[in-house]
Amino acid sequence: MNELTQSDNYQLLNRELAAPDPWGLDANPFERERHTQMLRLALAQGSISSALEVGCAAGAFTVQLAPHCKRLTVIDVVPQAIERSRRRIRDSPHISWIVSDVQQFSPDERFDLIVVAEVLYYMGGIAEMRGAVRNLVRMLAPDGYLVFGSARDANCRRWGHVAGAETILDMLNETLLEVERLECRGESVNEDCLLACFRNPFSAS
């Protein structure tokens, strides 16, 4: 299968987000278990003062994470995703909603927790993935935690993407300390992902 360009990926995301339950994030048992494990990893270190969720899709995980955060910033490159998630989570003044590419996002604050799942393989190429990882690490507070999830390399390449979980996990391990890694599998060959939690080992300068 030919590799998808970043423009192809953007159009693909827009088409998929038009469905009532994109990617089966609400109804699929595999997706519910994936979110359960992501939330466990996110909450394992205690209270969360400031969190960043990269890629909210239709808000299926956002609605689970938000009650545990004093402040939550949600970014997505697709305006439709931000709008759908905002409608789902009403009356939440502690949430900031921003349409932005993860490579370009440059806030002043650093986050105690960053969650990025099923996002980075849409970046288009290895250089873009590495740039996104560098930016995520830059935004992570000293001793902060990053929860990452992705379909495996083999599935991502079969879908037309350049790489997936294993490739990006190697990038994250270059600067962050891996705390835990687990597999999440469902009944379909497409339902096979890796989840991991990382800690920023560097102290504040």
C-alpha atoms as a PDB file:
ATOM      1  CA  MET A   1       0.000   0.000   0.000  1.00  0.00           C
ATOM      2  CA  ASN A   2       1.238   3.493  -0.836  1.00  0.00           C
ATOM      3  CA  GLU A   3       2.215   5.704   2.062  1.00  0.00           C
ATOM      4  CA  LEU A   4      -0.300   8.396   2.984  1.00  0.00           C
ATOM      5  CA  THR A   5       0.783  12.024   2.834  1.00  0.00           C
ATOM      6  CA  GLN A   6      -0.046  14.437   5.655  1.00  0.00           C
ATOM      7  CA  SER A   7      -2.768  15.957   3.432  1.00  0.00           C
ATOM      8  CA  ASP A   8      -4.206  12.468   2.855  1.00  0.00           C
ATOM      9  CA  ASN A   9      -4.207  11.878   6.609  1.00  0.00           C
ATOM     10  CA  TYR A  10      -6.046  15.140   7.280  1.00  0.00           C
ATOM     11  CA  GLN A  11      -8.749  14.249   4.739  1.00  0.00           C
ATOM     12  CA  LEU A  12      -8.979  10.742   6.215  1.00  0.00           C
ATOM     13  CA  LEU A  13      -9.494  12.151   9.723  1.00  0.00           C
ATOM     14  CA  ASN A  14     -12.230  14.481   8.502  1.00  0.00           C
ATOM     15  CA  ARG A  15     -14.074  11.606   6.791  1.00  0.00           C
ATOM     16  CA  GLU A  16     -13.794   9.316   9.809  1.00  0.00           C
ATOM     17  CA  LEU A  17     -14.952  12.034  12.215  1.00  0.00           C
ATOM     18  CA  ALA A  18     -18.179  12.371  10.226  1.00  0.00           C
ATOM     19  CA  ALA A  19     -19.341   8.985  11.579  1.00  0.00           C
ATOM     20  CA  PRO A  20     -21.657   8.914  14.648  1.00  0.00           C
ATOM     21  CA  ASP A  21     -19.066   6.942  16.640  1.00  0.00           C
ATOM     22  CA  PRO A  22     -15.705   7.435  14.911  1.00  0.00           C
ATOM     23  CA  TRP A  23     -13.428   4.392  15.230  1.00  0.00           C
ATOM     24  CA  GLY A  24     -15.966   2.784  17.589  1.00  0.00           C
ATOM     25  CA  LEU A  25     -14.459   4.669  20.524  1.00  0.00           C
ATOM     26  CA  ASP A  26     -17.663   4.443  22.570  1.00  0.00           C
ATOM     27  CA  ALA A  27     -19.129   1.086  21.558  1.00  0.00           C
ATOM     28  CA  ASN A  28     -16.112  -1.137  20.892  1.00  0.00           C
ATOM     29  CA  PRO A  29     -14.956  -3.242  23.902  1.00  0.00           C
ATOM     30  CA  PHE A  30     -11.330  -3.002  22.716  1.00  0.00           C
ATOM     31  CA  GLU A  31     -11.475   0.797  22.662  1.00  0.00           C
ATOM     32  CA  ARG A  32     -13.142   0.915  26.079  1.00  0.00           C
ATOM     33  CA  GLU A  33     -10.400  -1.299  27.536  1.00  0.00           C
ATOM     34  CA  ARG A  34      -7.726   0.823  25.839  1.00  0.00           C
ATOM     35  CA  HIS A  35      -9.181   3.937  27.453  1.00  0.00           C
ATOM     36  CA  THR A  36      -9.462   2.209  30.831  1.00  0.00           C
ATOM     37  CA  GLN A  37      -5.766   1.339  30.744  1.00  0.00           C
ATOM     38  CA  MET A  38      -4.791   4.814  29.505  1.00  0.00           C
ATOM     39  CA  LEU A  39      -6.703   6.397  32.378  1.00  0.00           C
ATOM     40  CA  ARG A  40      -5.058   4.030  34.874  1.00  0.00           C
ATOM     41  CA  LEU A  41      -1.622   5.036  33.588  1.00  0.00           C
ATOM     42  CA  ALA A  42      -2.579   8.721  33.651  1.00  0.00           C
ATOM     43  CA  LEU A  43      -3.815   8.599  37.240  1.00  0.00           C
ATOM     44  CA  ALA A  44      -1.124   6.329  38.665  1.00  0.00           C
ATOM     45  CA  GLN A  45       0.989   9.268  39.851  1.00  0.00           C
ATOM     46  CA  GLY A  46      -1.778  11.036  41.778  1.00  0.00           C
ATOM     47  CA  SER A  47      -3.435  14.413  41.311  1.00  0.00           C
ATOM     48  CA  ILE A  48      -3.015  16.275  38.019  1.00  0.00           C
ATOM     49  CA  SER A  49      -2.592  20.042  38.134  1.00  0.00           C
ATOM     50  CA  SER A  50      -2.153  20.674  34.417  1.00  0.00           C
ATOM     51  CA  ALA A  51      -2.685  18.151  31.635  1.00  0.00           C
ATOM     52  CA  LEU A  52      -2.500  18.170  27.851  1.00  0.00           C
ATOM     53  CA  GLU A  53      -4.459  15.795  25.629  1.00  0.00           C
ATOM     54  CA  VAL A  54      -3.158  15.645  22.060  1.00  0.00           C
ATOM     55  CA  GLY A  55      -5.841  14.513  19.630  1.00  0.00           C
ATOM     56  CA  CYS A  56      -9.310  14.331  21.151  1.00  0.00           C
ATOM     57  CA  ALA A  57     -11.203  12.635  18.277  1.00  0.00           C
ATOM     58  CA  ALA A  58     -14.840  12.870  19.453  1.00  0.00           C
ATOM     59  CA  GLY A  59     -14.023  13.257  23.150  1.00  0.00           C
ATOM     60  CA  ALA A  60     -14.448   9.639  24.288  1.00  0.00           C
ATOM     61  CA  PHE A  61     -11.277   9.740  26.406  1.00  0.00           C
ATOM     62  CA  THR A  62     -11.447  13.454  27.186  1.00  0.00           C
ATOM     63  CA  VAL A  63     -14.683  12.970  29.114  1.00  0.00           C
ATOM     64  CA  GLN A  64     -12.943  10.366  31.301  1.00  0.00           C
ATOM     65  CA  LEU A  65      -9.751  12.354  31.897  1.00  0.00           C
ATOM     66  CA  ALA A  66     -11.254  15.810  32.482  1.00  0.00           C
ATOM     67  CA  PRO A  67     -12.734  15.226  35.984  1.00  0.00           C
ATOM     68  CA  HIS A  68      -9.278  14.302  37.313  1.00  0.00           C
ATOM     69  CA  CYS A  69      -7.499  17.468  36.114  1.00  0.00           C
ATOM     70  CA  LYS A  70      -7.445  20.907  37.714  1.00  0.00           C
ATOM     71  CA  ARG A  71      -6.641  22.274  34.241  1.00  0.00           C
ATOM     72  CA  LEU A  72      -6.849  20.414  30.945  1.00  0.00           C
ATOM     73  CA  THR A  73      -5.708  21.681  27.556  1.00  0.00           C
ATOM     74  CA  VAL A  74      -7.050  19.764  24.568  1.00  0.00           C
ATOM     75  CA  ILE A  75      -5.580  20.188  21.092  1.00  0.00           C
ATOM     76  CA  ASP A  76      -6.519  18.628  17.777  1.00  0.00           C
ATOM     77  CA  VAL A  77      -5.522  19.514  14.237  1.00  0.00           C
ATOM     78  CA  VAL A  78      -9.099  18.924  13.033  1.00  0.00           C
ATOM     79  CA  PRO A  79     -11.593  21.662  14.024  1.00  0.00           C
ATOM     80  CA  GLN A  80     -14.450  19.162  13.801  1.00  0.00           C
ATOM     81  CA  ALA A  81     -12.857  17.050  16.537  1.00  0.00           C
ATOM     82  CA  ILE A  82     -12.580  20.017  18.894  1.00  0.00           C
ATOM     83  CA  GLU A  83     -16.194  21.035  18.208  1.00  0.00           C
ATOM     84  CA  ARG A  84     -17.556  17.513  18.777  1.00  0.00           C
ATOM     85  CA  SER A  85     -15.621  17.133  22.022  1.00  0.00           C
ATOM     86  CA  ARG A  86     -16.706  20.548  23.318  1.00  0.00           C
ATOM     87  CA  ARG A  87     -20.363  19.684  22.701  1.00  0.00           C
ATOM     88  CA  ARG A  88     -19.893  16.423  24.574  1.00  0.00           C
ATOM     89  CA  ILE A  89     -18.273  18.033  27.626  1.00  0.00           C
ATOM     90  CA  ARG A  90     -20.376  21.036  28.574  1.00  0.00           C
ATOM     91  CA  ASP A  91     -19.872  23.460  31.478  1.00  0.00           C
ATOM     92  CA  SER A  92     -16.174  22.674  31.911  1.00  0.00           C
ATOM     93  CA  PRO A  93     -14.396  26.011  32.446  1.00  0.00           C
ATOM     94  CA  HIS A  94     -11.180  24.236  33.436  1.00  0.00           C
ATOM     95  CA  ILE A  95     -10.751  22.917  29.863  1.00  0.00           C
ATOM     96  CA  SER A  96      -9.043  24.929  27.110  1.00  0.00           C
ATOM     97  CA  TRP A  97      -9.840  23.850  23.532  1.00  0.00           C
ATOM     98  CA  ILE A  98      -7.300  24.654  20.817  1.00  0.00           C
ATOM     99  CA  VAL A  99      -7.115  23.761  17.121  1.00  0.00           C
ATOM    100  CA  SER A 100      -3.426  23.111  16.565  1.00  0.00           C
ATOM    101  CA  ASP A 101      -0.886  20.741  15.097  1.00  0.00           C
ATOM    102  CA  VAL A 102       1.229  19.076  17.784  1.00  0.00           C
ATOM    103  CA  GLN A 103       4.402  20.155  15.984  1.00  0.00           C
ATOM    104  CA  GLN A 104       3.377  23.823  16.063  1.00  0.00           C
ATOM    105  CA  PHE A 105       1.773  24.014  19.494  1.00  0.00           C
ATOM    106  CA  SER A 106       3.956  26.145  21.785  1.00  0.00           C
ATOM    107  CA  PRO A 107       2.353  27.081  25.113  1.00  0.00           C
ATOM    108  CA  ASP A 108       4.122  28.988  27.872  1.00  0.00           C
ATOM    109  CA  GLU A 109       3.295  26.425  30.541  1.00  0.00           C
ATOM    110  CA  ARG A 110       4.681  22.932  31.054  1.00  0.00           C
ATOM    111  CA  PHE A 111       2.325  20.057  31.728  1.00  0.00           C
ATOM    112  CA  ASP A 112       2.370  17.537  34.586  1.00  0.00           C
ATOM    113  CA  LEU A 113       0.680  15.032  32.284  1.00  0.00           C
ATOM    114  CA  ILE A 114       0.570  14.661  28.509  1.00  0.00           C
ATOM    115  CA  VAL A 115      -1.621  12.044  26.838  1.00  0.00           C
ATOM    116  CA  VAL A 116      -1.045  11.299  23.153  1.00  0.00           C
ATOM    117  CA  ALA A 117      -2.694   8.200  21.696  1.00  0.00           C
ATOM    118  CA  GLU A 118      -3.362   7.056  18.131  1.00  0.00           C
ATOM    119  CA  VAL A 119      -2.101  10.401  16.825  1.00  0.00           C
ATOM    120  CA  LEU A 120       1.556  10.420  15.860  1.00  0.00           C
ATOM    121  CA  TYR A 121       1.338   7.918  12.989  1.00  0.00           C
ATOM    122  CA  TYR A 122      -0.796  10.510  11.182  1.00  0.00           C
ATOM    123  CA  MET A 123       2.204  12.879  11.059  1.00  0.00           C
ATOM    124  CA  GLY A 124       3.234  11.770   7.587  1.00  0.00           C
ATOM    125  CA  GLY A 125       6.908  10.874   7.951  1.00  0.00           C
ATOM    126  CA  ILE A 126       9.638   9.892  10.402  1.00  0.00           C
ATOM    127  CA  ALA A 127      11.055  13.430  10.532  1.00  0.00           C
ATOM    128  CA  GLU A 128       7.616  14.835  11.380  1.00  0.00           C
ATOM    129  CA  MET A 129       7.096  12.178  14.056  1.00  0.00           C
ATOM    130  CA  ARG A 130      10.477  12.981  15.586  1.00  0.00           C
ATOM    131  CA  GLY A 131       9.662  16.692  15.547  1.00  0.00           C
ATOM    132  CA  ALA A 132       6.372  16.024  17.320  1.00  0.00           C
ATOM    133  CA  VAL A 133       8.123  13.892  19.941  1.00  0.00           C
ATOM    134  CA  ARG A 134      10.708  16.635  20.555  1.00  0.00           C
ATOM    135  CA  ASN A 135       7.923  19.150  21.085  1.00  0.00           C
ATOM    136  CA  LEU A 136       6.045  16.843  23.457  1.00  0.00           C
ATOM    137  CA  VAL A 137       9.188  16.326  25.540  1.00  0.00           C
ATOM    138  CA  ARG A 138       9.763  20.096  25.615  1.00  0.00           C
ATOM    139  CA  MET A 139       6.236  20.670  26.951  1.00  0.00           C
ATOM    140  CA  LEU A 140       6.516  18.052  29.715  1.00  0.00           C
ATOM    141  CA  ALA A 141       7.269  19.440  33.172  1.00  0.00           C
ATOM    142  CA  PRO A 142      10.228  18.077  35.187  1.00  0.00           C
ATOM    143  CA  ASP A 143       9.071  14.816  36.774  1.00  0.00           C
ATOM    144  CA  GLY A 144       5.949  15.003  34.594  1.00  0.00           C
ATOM    145  CA  TYR A 145       4.419  11.946  32.956  1.00  0.00           C
ATOM    146  CA  LEU A 146       3.563  11.197  29.345  1.00  0.00           C
ATOM    147  CA  VAL A 147       1.064   8.472  28.430  1.00  0.00           C
ATOM    148  CA  PHE A 148       1.490   7.211  24.885  1.00  0.00           C
ATOM    149  CA  GLY A 149      -0.559   4.775  22.861  1.00  0.00           C
ATOM    150  CA  SER A 150      -0.455   3.592  19.275  1.00  0.00           C
ATOM    151  CA  ALA A 151      -1.198   0.743  16.940  1.00  0.00           C
ATOM    152  CA  ARG A 152       1.910  -1.289  16.241  1.00  0.00           C
ATOM    153  CA  ASP A 153       4.307  -0.600  13.387  1.00  0.00           C
ATOM    154  CA  ALA A 154       3.021  -3.534  11.319  1.00  0.00           C
ATOM    155  CA  ASN A 155      -0.614  -2.425  11.403  1.00  0.00           C
ATOM    156  CA  CYS A 156       0.233   1.226  10.797  1.00  0.00           C
ATOM    157  CA  ARG A 157       2.319   0.326   7.749  1.00  0.00           C
ATOM    158  CA  ARG A 158      -0.455  -1.919   6.464  1.00  0.00           C
ATOM    159  CA  TRP A 159      -2.832   1.051   6.741  1.00  0.00           C
ATOM    160  CA  GLY A 160      -0.435   3.218   4.707  1.00  0.00           C
ATOM    161  CA  HIS A 161       1.351   5.093   7.508  1.00  0.00           C
ATOM    162  CA  VAL A 162       5.129   5.221   7.823  1.00  0.00           C
ATOM    163  CA  ALA A 163       5.431   3.757  11.335  1.00  0.00           C
ATOM    164  CA  GLY A 164       3.628   3.199  14.600  1.00  0.00           C
ATOM    165  CA  ALA A 165       4.121   2.256  18.229  1.00  0.00           C
ATOM    166  CA  GLU A 166       7.517   0.583  18.294  1.00  0.00           C
ATOM    167  CA  THR A 167       9.210   3.296  16.232  1.00  0.00           C
ATOM    168  CA  ILE A 168       7.794   6.127  18.339  1.00  0.00           C
ATOM    169  CA  LEU A 169       8.483   4.320  21.615  1.00  0.00           C
ATOM    170  CA  ASP A 170      12.156   4.179  20.619  1.00  0.00           C
ATOM    171  CA  MET A 171      12.103   7.961  20.042  1.00  0.00           C
ATOM    172  CA  LEU A 172      10.494   8.629  23.415  1.00  0.00           C
ATOM    173  CA  ASN A 173      13.005   6.399  25.159  1.00  0.00           C
ATOM    174  CA  GLU A 174      15.854   8.586  23.887  1.00  0.00           C
ATOM    175  CA  THR A 175      14.974  11.328  26.397  1.00  0.00           C
ATOM    176  CA  LEU A 176      12.296  10.028  28.778  1.00  0.00           C
ATOM    177  CA  LEU A 177      12.284   7.204  31.329  1.00  0.00           C
ATOM    178  CA  GLU A 178       9.830   4.418  30.508  1.00  0.00           C
ATOM    179  CA  VAL A 179       7.856   3.455  33.623  1.00  0.00           C
ATOM    180  CA  GLU A 180       5.397   0.890  32.270  1.00  0.00           C
ATOM    181  CA  ARG A 181       4.435  -0.708  28.959  1.00  0.00           C
ATOM    182  CA  LEU A 182       1.503  -2.978  28.151  1.00  0.00           C
ATOM    183  CA  GLU A 183      -0.248  -4.595  25.212  1.00  0.00           C
ATOM    184  CA  CYS A 184      -3.913  -4.057  24.440  1.00  0.00           C
ATOM    185  CA  ARG A 185      -5.531  -6.464  21.993  1.00  0.00           C
ATOM    186  CA  GLY A 186      -9.015  -7.126  20.707  1.00  0.00           C
ATOM    187  CA  GLU A 187     -10.624  -9.679  18.419  1.00  0.00           C
ATOM    188  CA  SER A 188      -9.682  -7.999  15.125  1.00  0.00           C
ATOM    189  CA  VAL A 189      -6.185  -7.946  13.658  1.00  0.00           C
ATOM    190  CA  ASN A 190      -6.532  -4.156  13.651  1.00  0.00           C
ATOM    191  CA  GLU A 191      -7.101  -4.118  17.418  1.00  0.00           C
ATOM    192  CA  ASP A 192      -3.515  -4.426  18.577  1.00  0.00           C
ATOM    193  CA  CYS A 193      -1.769  -1.512  20.257  1.00  0.00           C
ATOM    194  CA  LEU A 194       0.936  -0.703  22.761  1.00  0.00           C
ATOM    195  CA  LEU A 195       0.467   1.671  25.676  1.00  0.00           C
ATOM    196  CA  ALA A 196       3.287   3.135  27.733  1.00  0.00           C
ATOM    197  CA  CYS A 197       3.886   5.637  30.505  1.00  0.00           C
ATOM    198  CA  PHE A 198       7.057   7.759  30.601  1.00  0.00           C
ATOM    199  CA  ARG A 199       8.513  10.108  33.206  1.00  0.00           C
ATOM    200  CA  ASN A 200      10.580  13.187  32.480  1.00  0.00           C
ATOM    201  CA  PRO A 201      13.741  12.467  34.527  1.00  0.00           C
ATOM    202  CA  PHE A 202      15.130  15.988  34.287  1.00  0.00           C
ATOM    203  CA  SER A 203      14.880  18.489  37.121  1.00  0.00           C
ATOM    204  CA  ALA A 204      13.809  22.094  36.652  1.00  0.00           C
ATOM    205  CA  SER A 205      16.707  24.261  35.527  1.00  0.00           C
END
